Protein backbone atom coordinates (compact mmCIF):
# COMPACT_ATOMS: atom_id res chain seq x y z
CA MET A 1 4.24 14.44 -13.77
CA PHE A 2 4.44 15.64 -10.17
CA SER A 3 4.49 13.26 -7.22
CA ILE A 4 4.70 13.05 -3.46
CA THR A 5 5.49 9.96 -1.41
CA VAL A 6 4.50 9.16 2.15
CA ARG A 7 5.81 6.25 4.19
CA ASP A 8 4.64 3.88 6.92
CA HIS A 9 5.33 0.26 7.84
CA ILE A 10 3.54 -2.96 8.68
CA MET A 11 4.46 -6.11 10.55
CA ILE A 12 2.53 -9.21 9.53
CA ALA A 13 2.71 -12.99 9.74
CA HIS A 14 1.76 -15.32 6.91
CA SER A 15 2.66 -18.50 5.09
CA PHE A 16 2.62 -19.53 1.45
CA ARG A 17 1.46 -22.54 -0.52
CA GLY A 18 3.63 -23.89 -3.32
CA ALA A 19 7.10 -25.36 -3.69
CA VAL A 20 8.37 -22.11 -5.23
CA PHE A 21 8.23 -20.55 -1.76
CA GLY A 22 10.56 -23.09 -0.12
CA PRO A 23 10.85 -22.51 3.62
CA ALA A 24 8.42 -19.57 3.43
CA GLN A 25 5.66 -22.18 3.21
CA ARG A 26 5.92 -22.25 7.00
CA LEU A 27 4.42 -19.47 9.08
CA HIS A 28 6.85 -16.55 9.25
CA GLY A 29 6.88 -12.84 9.98
CA ALA A 30 7.59 -9.95 7.67
CA THR A 31 8.14 -6.25 8.24
CA PHE A 32 7.52 -4.03 5.24
CA LEU A 33 8.34 -0.38 4.70
CA VAL A 34 5.33 0.94 2.78
CA ASP A 35 5.63 3.86 0.35
CA ALA A 36 2.59 5.42 -1.31
CA THR A 37 3.33 7.76 -4.22
CA PHE A 38 0.57 10.03 -5.47
CA ARG A 39 0.88 11.51 -9.00
CA ARG A 40 -0.75 14.27 -10.98
CA GLU A 41 0.08 16.15 -14.17
CA GLN A 42 -0.55 19.64 -12.82
CA LEU A 43 -0.31 20.98 -9.29
CA ASP A 44 -3.60 22.00 -7.68
CA ASP A 45 -4.62 25.58 -6.85
CA ASP A 46 -2.39 25.47 -3.74
CA ASN A 47 0.61 24.27 -5.81
CA ILE A 48 0.64 20.82 -4.22
CA VAL A 49 0.03 17.27 -5.43
CA VAL A 50 -2.15 16.44 -2.43
CA ASP A 51 -2.22 17.32 1.26
CA ILE A 52 0.77 15.39 2.59
CA GLY A 53 -0.70 15.25 6.09
CA LEU A 54 -3.93 13.68 4.86
CA ALA A 55 -1.98 11.28 2.62
CA THR A 56 0.10 10.18 5.62
CA GLN A 57 -3.01 9.80 7.77
CA GLU A 58 -4.87 7.70 5.20
CA LEU A 59 -1.90 5.44 4.49
CA GLY A 60 -1.61 4.90 8.24
CA ALA A 61 -5.28 3.99 8.46
CA VAL A 62 -4.98 1.45 5.64
CA VAL A 63 -1.85 -0.25 6.98
CA SER A 64 -3.28 -0.34 10.51
CA GLU A 65 -5.91 -2.76 9.18
CA LEU A 66 -3.08 -5.21 8.37
CA ASN A 67 -0.54 -4.45 11.07
CA TYR A 68 0.21 -7.16 13.66
CA ARG A 69 -2.09 -9.61 11.89
CA ASN A 70 -1.57 -13.21 10.84
CA LEU A 71 -2.88 -12.84 7.30
CA ASP A 72 -3.53 -16.59 7.14
CA ASN A 73 -6.36 -15.97 9.62
CA GLU A 74 -7.90 -12.97 7.85
CA PRO A 75 -11.12 -13.83 5.93
CA ASP A 76 -10.24 -11.38 3.11
CA PHE A 77 -7.15 -13.44 2.32
CA ALA A 78 -8.49 -16.99 2.73
CA GLY A 79 -6.72 -19.32 0.30
CA ILE A 80 -4.55 -16.51 -1.14
CA ASN A 81 -0.75 -16.32 -1.19
CA THR A 82 -0.27 -12.87 0.34
CA SER A 83 2.92 -12.11 -1.57
CA THR A 84 4.60 -8.73 -1.40
CA GLU A 85 3.22 -7.91 -4.84
CA PHE A 86 -0.31 -8.90 -3.83
CA LEU A 87 -0.17 -6.83 -0.63
CA ALA A 88 1.03 -3.78 -2.59
CA LYS A 89 -2.13 -4.04 -4.71
CA VAL A 90 -4.37 -4.51 -1.67
CA ILE A 91 -2.97 -1.36 -0.06
CA ALA A 92 -3.17 0.64 -3.31
CA ASP A 93 -6.77 -0.40 -3.92
CA ARG A 94 -7.79 0.42 -0.34
CA LEU A 95 -6.14 3.84 -0.62
CA ALA A 96 -7.90 4.43 -3.94
CA GLU A 97 -11.26 3.66 -2.29
CA ARG A 98 -10.54 6.27 0.39
CA ILE A 99 -9.52 8.82 -2.26
CA GLU A 100 -12.75 8.18 -4.19
CA LYS A 101 -14.75 8.77 -0.98
CA GLY A 102 -13.03 12.15 -0.49
CA ALA A 103 -10.66 11.29 2.37
CA LEU A 104 -7.85 13.32 0.78
CA GLY A 105 -10.02 16.36 0.10
CA GLU A 106 -11.18 18.16 -3.03
CA GLY A 107 -7.65 18.58 -4.34
CA ALA A 108 -7.25 14.83 -4.68
CA LYS A 109 -9.78 14.79 -7.52
CA GLY A 110 -6.95 15.79 -9.85
CA LEU A 111 -4.75 12.82 -8.97
CA ALA A 112 -3.80 10.72 -11.98
CA GLY A 113 -2.23 7.71 -10.31
CA LEU A 114 -0.96 5.95 -7.26
CA THR A 115 1.95 3.57 -6.70
CA VAL A 116 2.40 1.51 -3.56
CA SER A 117 5.78 -0.10 -2.89
CA LEU A 118 6.48 -2.61 -0.14
CA HIS A 119 10.14 -2.88 0.78
CA GLU A 120 11.08 -6.29 2.16
CA SER A 121 14.63 -5.13 2.77
CA HIS A 122 17.11 -2.53 1.56
CA VAL A 123 17.72 -4.62 -1.58
CA ALA A 124 14.27 -6.03 -2.48
CA TRP A 125 10.80 -4.54 -2.93
CA ALA A 126 7.67 -4.84 -5.03
CA SER A 127 5.23 -2.22 -6.31
CA TYR A 128 1.75 -1.91 -7.72
CA GLU A 129 0.81 1.07 -9.85
CA ARG A 130 -2.72 2.09 -10.73
CA ALA A 131 -4.64 4.94 -12.31
CA LEU A 132 -7.05 7.03 -10.26
């Protein structure tokens, strides 16, 4: 399996419900490094996984929808604990929608999967992996 990874970041605010979250139940900020890894079994006719420039552009577009937002105030997330794991899935699904609509070009039709990882720090991160 071949893969490429592109990177961006987001800065958000949010709070959690539930004793398991301790002090994170209060409103707090988080900065995440966001990695999107695109996978395919065979390289395309140009010997690439996908256009890395387009992949970077589309990841940037997806994370810009979340950047500098208080997720507690976003209608899409009403009543939801926006955990790192949950946000990784949101970003992966939004990227997948863009891929399906052709935002990464014809070559992206051969993609087999996508993994989005959100790094909370240099020692902790969460990922969501999905088929395309």
